[in-house]
Amino acid sequence: MSFDYTVSKVVDAPVSRVWDAWTTPEGNAGIFRARPETVTVDAKPGGRFAATMTDPEGNEIPMTGTYLEVVPNERLVSAMDIPSGQTPPMVMELEEAGAGRTKVTFTQECGTAQERDFSKEGSEVLLEWLADHLTKA
């Protein structure tokens, strides 16, 4: 049985700006509400990323992972490090949505319903944080 999800959001920014938000340290710091000095980004296949994210309650959460596939301004596939290895790959796809807007879609296949629900909720939060970051940047 497959436990996958897809979530999307149209944001008020062109594809290139959304791409830069995901693939630069400055952008990652804004999206993940991370302290800038904790963010590293090497957006290439096999490249690593790291940040210390701050959740809405103010808790700091270290996050690291690997980029698996990078197609500039189109597709970014990554996996986060977890104690047992890595999460299933998360796919982000970008599409022009007209009038300088971009449709951002996250897709992920998870191993369990619980993992799917947790990951989907996290992806929905990231889409909101992305939209918020882009309006402030």
Protein backbone atom coordinates (compact mmCIF):
# COMPACT_ATOMS: atom_id res chain seq x y z
CA MET A 1 0.00 0.00 0.00
CA SER A 2 1.27 3.44 -0.91
CA PHE A 3 0.96 6.40 1.41
CA ASP A 4 1.62 9.43 -0.73
CA TYR A 5 0.47 13.02 -0.73
CA THR A 6 0.52 16.06 -2.97
CA VAL A 7 0.06 19.65 -1.79
CA SER A 8 0.21 22.82 -3.89
CA LYS A 9 0.06 26.56 -3.45
CA VAL A 10 0.23 29.46 -5.88
CA VAL A 11 2.57 32.16 -4.57
CA ASP A 12 2.96 35.77 -5.66
CA ALA A 13 6.46 35.55 -7.08
CA PRO A 14 8.02 34.47 -10.39
CA VAL A 15 9.56 31.00 -10.69
CA SER A 16 13.13 32.34 -10.54
CA ARG A 17 12.48 34.07 -7.22
CA VAL A 18 10.85 30.96 -5.72
CA TRP A 19 13.78 28.87 -6.94
CA ASP A 20 16.27 31.26 -5.35
CA ALA A 21 14.35 31.10 -2.08
CA TRP A 22 14.81 27.34 -1.98
CA THR A 23 18.39 27.18 -3.26
CA THR A 24 20.21 30.03 -1.48
CA PRO A 25 21.17 30.32 2.20
CA GLU A 26 19.34 33.66 2.49
CA GLY A 27 16.16 32.20 1.06
CA ASN A 28 16.32 29.07 3.20
CA ALA A 29 16.82 31.17 6.32
CA GLY A 30 13.63 33.06 5.47
CA ILE A 31 11.52 30.04 4.60
CA PHE A 32 12.63 27.90 7.54
CA ARG A 33 12.76 30.82 9.99
CA ALA A 34 16.30 29.79 10.70
CA ARG A 35 19.18 31.78 12.13
CA PRO A 36 21.18 32.76 9.00
CA GLU A 37 24.49 31.57 10.46
CA THR A 38 23.06 28.00 10.73
CA VAL A 39 22.11 27.72 7.04
CA THR A 40 24.19 26.02 4.37
CA VAL A 41 22.97 25.15 0.87
CA ASP A 42 24.80 23.25 -1.88
CA ALA A 43 21.99 22.85 -4.43
CA LYS A 44 23.40 20.18 -6.72
CA PRO A 45 22.80 16.43 -6.93
CA GLY A 46 24.52 14.94 -3.88
CA GLY A 47 24.87 18.40 -2.31
CA ARG A 48 23.92 18.95 1.31
CA PHE A 49 21.71 21.42 3.12
CA ALA A 50 21.46 22.34 6.79
CA ALA A 51 19.58 24.84 8.93
CA THR A 52 18.37 25.26 12.48
CA MET A 53 14.66 25.92 12.05
CA THR A 54 12.53 27.74 14.63
CA ASP A 55 8.99 26.41 14.94
CA PRO A 56 5.96 28.58 15.83
CA GLU A 57 6.45 27.80 19.53
CA GLY A 58 10.06 29.04 19.38
CA ASN A 59 11.70 25.60 19.54
CA GLU A 60 14.91 25.21 17.54
CA ILE A 61 15.04 22.14 15.30
CA PRO A 62 18.26 21.19 13.49
CA MET A 63 17.57 19.99 9.96
CA THR A 64 19.98 18.42 7.47
CA GLY A 65 19.61 16.56 4.21
CA THR A 66 20.75 15.84 0.68
CA TYR A 67 19.68 17.09 -2.74
CA LEU A 68 18.99 14.13 -5.01
CA GLU A 69 17.88 15.88 -8.20
CA VAL A 70 18.21 19.54 -9.20
CA VAL A 71 16.62 20.97 -12.36
CA PRO A 72 16.92 24.76 -12.03
CA ASN A 73 13.61 26.63 -11.92
CA GLU A 74 11.65 23.39 -12.37
CA ARG A 75 12.29 20.54 -9.94
CA LEU A 76 14.11 19.93 -6.67
CA VAL A 77 14.20 16.50 -5.05
CA SER A 78 15.61 16.18 -1.54
CA ALA A 79 15.68 13.85 1.44
CA MET A 80 16.05 14.93 5.06
CA ASP A 81 18.29 13.13 7.51
CA ILE A 82 16.52 11.31 10.35
CA PRO A 83 17.94 9.02 13.05
CA SER A 84 17.14 5.89 10.99
CA GLY A 85 18.64 7.25 7.75
CA GLN A 86 16.73 9.58 5.42
CA THR A 87 13.11 10.42 4.75
CA PRO A 88 11.58 9.28 1.49
CA PRO A 89 12.47 11.81 -1.23
CA MET A 90 10.30 14.93 -1.38
CA VAL A 91 9.73 16.37 -4.84
CA MET A 92 9.15 20.09 -5.33
CA GLU A 93 7.96 21.20 -8.77
CA LEU A 94 7.54 24.79 -9.95
CA GLU A 95 5.16 25.96 -12.70
CA GLU A 96 4.46 29.41 -14.10
CA ALA A 97 0.98 30.42 -12.93
CA GLY A 98 0.67 33.66 -14.90
CA ALA A 99 0.97 37.29 -13.81
CA GLY A 100 4.36 36.69 -12.16
CA ARG A 101 3.00 33.92 -9.93
CA THR A 102 4.24 30.38 -9.38
CA LYS A 103 2.49 27.12 -8.53
CA VAL A 104 4.62 25.18 -6.04
CA THR A 105 3.79 21.47 -5.66
CA PHE A 106 5.24 19.04 -3.11
CA THR A 107 4.85 15.30 -3.61
CA GLN A 108 6.14 12.52 -1.37
CA GLU A 109 5.59 8.77 -1.04
CA CYS A 110 5.74 7.69 2.59
CA GLY A 111 5.95 4.28 4.26
CA THR A 112 3.02 4.65 6.66
CA ALA A 113 -0.15 6.68 7.06
CA GLN A 114 1.34 8.35 10.16
CA GLU A 115 4.51 9.32 8.27
CA ARG A 116 2.39 10.66 5.40
CA ASP A 117 0.17 12.74 7.69
CA PHE A 118 3.18 14.21 9.53
CA SER A 119 5.03 14.98 6.29
CA LYS A 120 1.96 16.46 4.60
CA GLU A 121 1.33 18.77 7.53
CA GLY A 122 4.98 19.87 7.46
CA SER A 123 4.81 20.52 3.71
CA GLU A 124 1.67 22.61 4.12
CA VAL A 125 3.42 24.70 6.78
CA LEU A 126 6.45 25.15 4.49
CA LEU A 127 4.22 26.41 1.68
CA GLU A 128 2.72 28.99 4.04
CA TRP A 129 6.17 30.00 5.31
CA LEU A 130 7.39 30.28 1.69
CA ALA A 131 4.48 32.57 0.77
CA ASP A 132 5.11 34.66 3.89
CA HIS A 133 8.86 34.90 3.17
CA LEU A 134 8.25 35.99 -0.43
CA THR A 135 5.94 38.81 0.65
CA LYS A 136 8.60 40.11 3.07
CA ALA A 137 11.68 39.63 0.89
